[in-house]
Amino acid sequence: MKHQAGSGGGYYEPPVAKRRRCIGGIIPEEIVEQILLRLPVKSIVRFRSVCKSWQSMIADPRFTRLHLQFHQSTTSMLLR
C-alpha cells in the first residue's frame, strides 16, 4: 500500500517484511503435525515450502514413519 507523502506528490512505500512468520507460531506444532500426517504425500511434498519449521518436520524420519503407519492403518480399516 502506498501512502502520499506530504504535499510534494511523492509516494512512500513501507518496507516489506523480510520474513513472514509461519503458522507454527499460532497453532501448536503437535497440532500441525497431526494435520500434516493425515494428508496425502503429494500435498506434503508441496507443503515443505511453506516454512522452515514445516520443512524440518516433514524431513524428519520420525514424521515419515508416523505418516506411513497412519496411512497403513487407515487403509487396513477400509479393507475390513
N, C-alpha and C. Protein backbone atom coordinates (compact mmCIF):
# COMPACT_ATOMS: atom_id res chain seq x y z
N MET A 1 0.85 -1.17 0.00
CA MET A 1 0.00 0.00 0.00
C MET A 1 0.89 1.23 0.00
N LYS A 2 0.58 2.16 -0.86
CA LYS A 2 1.37 3.38 -0.95
C LYS A 2 0.63 4.50 -0.26
N HIS A 3 1.38 5.35 0.42
CA HIS A 3 0.81 6.50 1.11
C HIS A 3 1.39 7.76 0.49
N GLN A 4 0.54 8.76 0.31
CA GLN A 4 1.03 10.02 -0.24
C GLN A 4 1.81 10.74 0.85
N ALA A 5 2.99 11.18 0.52
CA ALA A 5 3.86 11.84 1.49
C ALA A 5 3.78 13.35 1.32
N GLY A 6 3.11 14.01 2.24
CA GLY A 6 3.05 15.47 2.25
C GLY A 6 2.42 16.04 1.00
N SER A 7 2.74 17.29 0.70
CA SER A 7 2.16 17.95 -0.46
C SER A 7 3.05 17.83 -1.69
N GLY A 8 4.18 17.16 -1.56
CA GLY A 8 5.11 17.04 -2.67
C GLY A 8 4.64 16.09 -3.75
N GLY A 9 3.59 15.33 -3.49
CA GLY A 9 3.07 14.43 -4.50
C GLY A 9 3.82 13.12 -4.61
N GLY A 10 4.93 12.96 -3.87
CA GLY A 10 5.67 11.71 -3.91
C GLY A 10 4.96 10.64 -3.09
N TYR A 11 5.34 9.43 -3.29
CA TYR A 11 4.73 8.33 -2.56
C TYR A 11 5.75 7.65 -1.68
N TYR A 12 5.30 7.24 -0.53
CA TYR A 12 6.14 6.47 0.39
C TYR A 12 5.62 5.04 0.39
N GLU A 13 6.49 4.11 0.17
CA GLU A 13 6.10 2.71 0.21
C GLU A 13 6.78 2.06 1.41
N PRO A 14 5.99 1.58 2.38
CA PRO A 14 6.60 0.97 3.56
C PRO A 14 7.41 -0.26 3.19
N PRO A 15 8.49 -0.52 3.94
CA PRO A 15 9.32 -1.69 3.62
C PRO A 15 8.55 -2.99 3.80
N VAL A 16 8.84 -3.93 2.94
CA VAL A 16 8.20 -5.24 3.01
C VAL A 16 8.92 -6.06 4.07
N ALA A 17 8.16 -6.76 4.87
CA ALA A 17 8.77 -7.62 5.89
C ALA A 17 9.64 -8.66 5.20
N LYS A 18 10.85 -8.82 5.69
CA LYS A 18 11.77 -9.76 5.06
C LYS A 18 11.36 -11.20 5.33
N ARG A 19 10.76 -11.43 6.49
CA ARG A 19 10.44 -12.79 6.85
C ARG A 19 9.04 -12.84 7.46
N ARG A 20 8.21 -13.67 6.92
CA ARG A 20 6.87 -13.83 7.47
C ARG A 20 6.88 -14.98 8.46
N ARG A 21 6.08 -14.85 9.48
CA ARG A 21 6.02 -15.90 10.49
C ARG A 21 5.21 -17.07 9.96
N CYS A 22 5.67 -18.24 10.31
CA CYS A 22 4.97 -19.46 9.93
C CYS A 22 3.76 -19.63 10.83
N ILE A 23 2.79 -20.37 10.37
CA ILE A 23 1.59 -20.62 11.15
C ILE A 23 1.91 -21.36 12.44
N GLY A 24 3.09 -21.95 12.51
CA GLY A 24 3.50 -22.66 13.71
C GLY A 24 3.51 -21.78 14.95
N GLY A 25 3.63 -20.48 14.77
CA GLY A 25 3.58 -19.57 15.91
C GLY A 25 2.18 -19.40 16.45
N ILE A 26 1.18 -19.77 15.67
CA ILE A 26 -0.22 -19.61 16.05
C ILE A 26 -0.80 -20.95 16.52
N ILE A 27 -0.52 -21.98 15.76
CA ILE A 27 -1.03 -23.33 16.06
C ILE A 27 0.12 -24.15 16.63
N PRO A 28 -0.11 -24.85 17.74
CA PRO A 28 0.96 -25.68 18.31
C PRO A 28 1.50 -26.69 17.30
N GLU A 29 2.80 -26.91 17.37
CA GLU A 29 3.48 -27.80 16.42
C GLU A 29 2.86 -29.20 16.40
N GLU A 30 2.42 -29.68 17.55
CA GLU A 30 1.83 -31.02 17.63
C GLU A 30 0.54 -31.10 16.80
N ILE A 31 -0.23 -30.02 16.80
CA ILE A 31 -1.47 -29.98 16.02
C ILE A 31 -1.15 -29.93 14.53
N VAL A 32 -0.18 -29.11 14.16
CA VAL A 32 0.24 -29.03 12.76
C VAL A 32 0.70 -30.41 12.29
N GLU A 33 1.48 -31.09 13.12
CA GLU A 33 1.95 -32.42 12.76
C GLU A 33 0.78 -33.38 12.55
N GLN A 34 -0.20 -33.36 13.43
CA GLN A 34 -1.35 -34.25 13.29
C GLN A 34 -2.15 -33.95 12.02
N ILE A 35 -2.23 -32.70 11.65
CA ILE A 35 -2.92 -32.33 10.41
C ILE A 35 -2.12 -32.84 9.21
N LEU A 36 -0.82 -32.58 9.21
CA LEU A 36 0.02 -33.00 8.09
C LEU A 36 0.06 -34.52 7.94
N LEU A 37 0.02 -35.24 9.04
CA LEU A 37 0.06 -36.70 8.97
C LEU A 37 -1.13 -37.27 8.20
N ARG A 38 -2.22 -36.56 8.17
CA ARG A 38 -3.44 -37.05 7.52
C ARG A 38 -3.51 -36.72 6.03
N LEU A 39 -2.56 -35.94 5.56
CA LEU A 39 -2.58 -35.51 4.16
C LEU A 39 -1.90 -36.53 3.25
N PRO A 40 -2.29 -36.55 1.98
CA PRO A 40 -1.60 -37.42 1.03
C PRO A 40 -0.18 -36.91 0.76
N VAL A 41 0.66 -37.80 0.31
CA VAL A 41 2.08 -37.48 0.07
C VAL A 41 2.23 -36.30 -0.88
N LYS A 42 1.43 -36.25 -1.92
CA LYS A 42 1.53 -35.17 -2.90
C LYS A 42 1.38 -33.80 -2.24
N SER A 43 0.46 -33.69 -1.32
CA SER A 43 0.26 -32.42 -0.60
C SER A 43 1.43 -32.12 0.32
N ILE A 44 1.91 -33.13 1.01
CA ILE A 44 3.03 -32.93 1.93
C ILE A 44 4.26 -32.43 1.18
N VAL A 45 4.50 -32.97 0.02
CA VAL A 45 5.65 -32.52 -0.78
C VAL A 45 5.51 -31.03 -1.10
N ARG A 46 4.32 -30.59 -1.43
CA ARG A 46 4.11 -29.16 -1.71
C ARG A 46 4.27 -28.31 -0.46
N PHE A 47 3.79 -28.81 0.68
CA PHE A 47 3.79 -28.03 1.91
C PHE A 47 5.17 -27.91 2.55
N ARG A 48 6.15 -28.63 2.03
CA ARG A 48 7.52 -28.47 2.56
C ARG A 48 8.00 -27.04 2.40
N SER A 49 7.49 -26.35 1.40
CA SER A 49 7.98 -25.00 1.13
C SER A 49 7.21 -23.91 1.89
N VAL A 50 6.28 -24.28 2.75
CA VAL A 50 5.51 -23.28 3.50
C VAL A 50 6.42 -22.49 4.43
N CYS A 51 7.22 -23.18 5.21
CA CYS A 51 8.15 -22.51 6.10
C CYS A 51 9.22 -23.51 6.54
N LYS A 52 10.27 -22.99 7.14
CA LYS A 52 11.39 -23.85 7.53
C LYS A 52 10.99 -24.89 8.58
N SER A 53 10.12 -24.51 9.50
CA SER A 53 9.74 -25.48 10.53
C SER A 53 8.94 -26.64 9.94
N TRP A 54 8.08 -26.36 8.95
CA TRP A 54 7.34 -27.45 8.30
C TRP A 54 8.30 -28.31 7.49
N GLN A 55 9.24 -27.70 6.81
CA GLN A 55 10.21 -28.45 6.02
C GLN A 55 11.00 -29.38 6.93
N SER A 56 11.41 -28.86 8.07
CA SER A 56 12.16 -29.65 9.03
C SER A 56 11.32 -30.81 9.57
N MET A 57 10.08 -30.52 9.90
CA MET A 57 9.18 -31.55 10.44
C MET A 57 8.96 -32.66 9.41
N ILE A 58 8.70 -32.28 8.17
CA ILE A 58 8.41 -33.25 7.12
C ILE A 58 9.65 -34.06 6.76
N ALA A 59 10.83 -33.45 6.85
CA ALA A 59 12.08 -34.14 6.52
C ALA A 59 12.52 -35.12 7.61
N ASP A 60 11.96 -34.99 8.79
CA ASP A 60 12.34 -35.86 9.91
C ASP A 60 11.90 -37.30 9.65
N PRO A 61 12.80 -38.27 9.78
CA PRO A 61 12.43 -39.68 9.56
C PRO A 61 11.27 -40.14 10.46
N ARG A 62 11.16 -39.55 11.64
CA ARG A 62 10.05 -39.88 12.54
C ARG A 62 8.71 -39.54 11.88
N PHE A 63 8.64 -38.38 11.23
CA PHE A 63 7.41 -37.97 10.55
C PHE A 63 7.07 -38.96 9.44
N THR A 64 8.07 -39.34 8.67
CA THR A 64 7.86 -40.30 7.58
C THR A 64 7.30 -41.61 8.12
N ARG A 65 7.88 -42.09 9.20
CA ARG A 65 7.42 -43.34 9.82
C ARG A 65 5.97 -43.21 10.32
N LEU A 66 5.67 -42.10 11.00
CA LEU A 66 4.31 -41.88 11.51
C LEU A 66 3.30 -41.75 10.37
N HIS A 67 3.69 -41.06 9.31
CA HIS A 67 2.80 -40.89 8.16
C HIS A 67 2.49 -42.25 7.53
N LEU A 68 3.50 -43.05 7.35
CA LEU A 68 3.31 -44.38 6.78
C LEU A 68 2.42 -45.24 7.67
N GLN A 69 2.67 -45.23 8.97
CA GLN A 69 1.86 -46.01 9.90
C GLN A 69 0.40 -45.54 9.89
N PHE A 70 0.20 -44.24 9.87
CA PHE A 70 -1.17 -43.71 9.87
C PHE A 70 -1.93 -44.18 8.64
N HIS A 71 -1.30 -44.07 7.48
CA HIS A 71 -1.99 -44.42 6.25
C HIS A 71 -2.14 -45.93 6.06
N GLN A 72 -1.23 -46.70 6.60
CA GLN A 72 -1.39 -48.16 6.55
C GLN A 72 -2.56 -48.58 7.42
N SER A 73 -2.68 -48.00 8.60
CA SER A 73 -3.79 -48.38 9.48
C SER A 73 -5.13 -47.91 8.91
N THR A 74 -5.15 -46.75 8.28
CA THR A 74 -6.37 -46.25 7.67
C THR A 74 -6.79 -47.15 6.51
N THR A 75 -5.83 -47.56 5.71
CA THR A 75 -6.12 -48.43 4.57
C THR A 75 -6.63 -49.79 5.05
N SER A 76 -6.02 -50.33 6.08
CA SER A 76 -6.45 -51.64 6.57
C SER A 76 -7.86 -51.57 7.16
N MET A 77 -8.22 -50.44 7.77
CA MET A 77 -9.58 -50.29 8.31
C MET A 77 -10.60 -50.22 7.17
N LEU A 78 -10.22 -49.62 6.06
CA LEU A 78 -11.14 -49.51 4.92
C LEU A 78 -11.37 -50.87 4.26
N LEU A 79 -10.37 -51.74 4.32
CA LEU A 79 -10.47 -53.04 3.67
C LEU A 79 -11.25 -54.06 4.49
N ARG A 80 -11.53 -53.77 5.72
CA ARG A 80 -12.26 -54.72 6.58
C ARG A 80 -13.71 -54.77 6.23
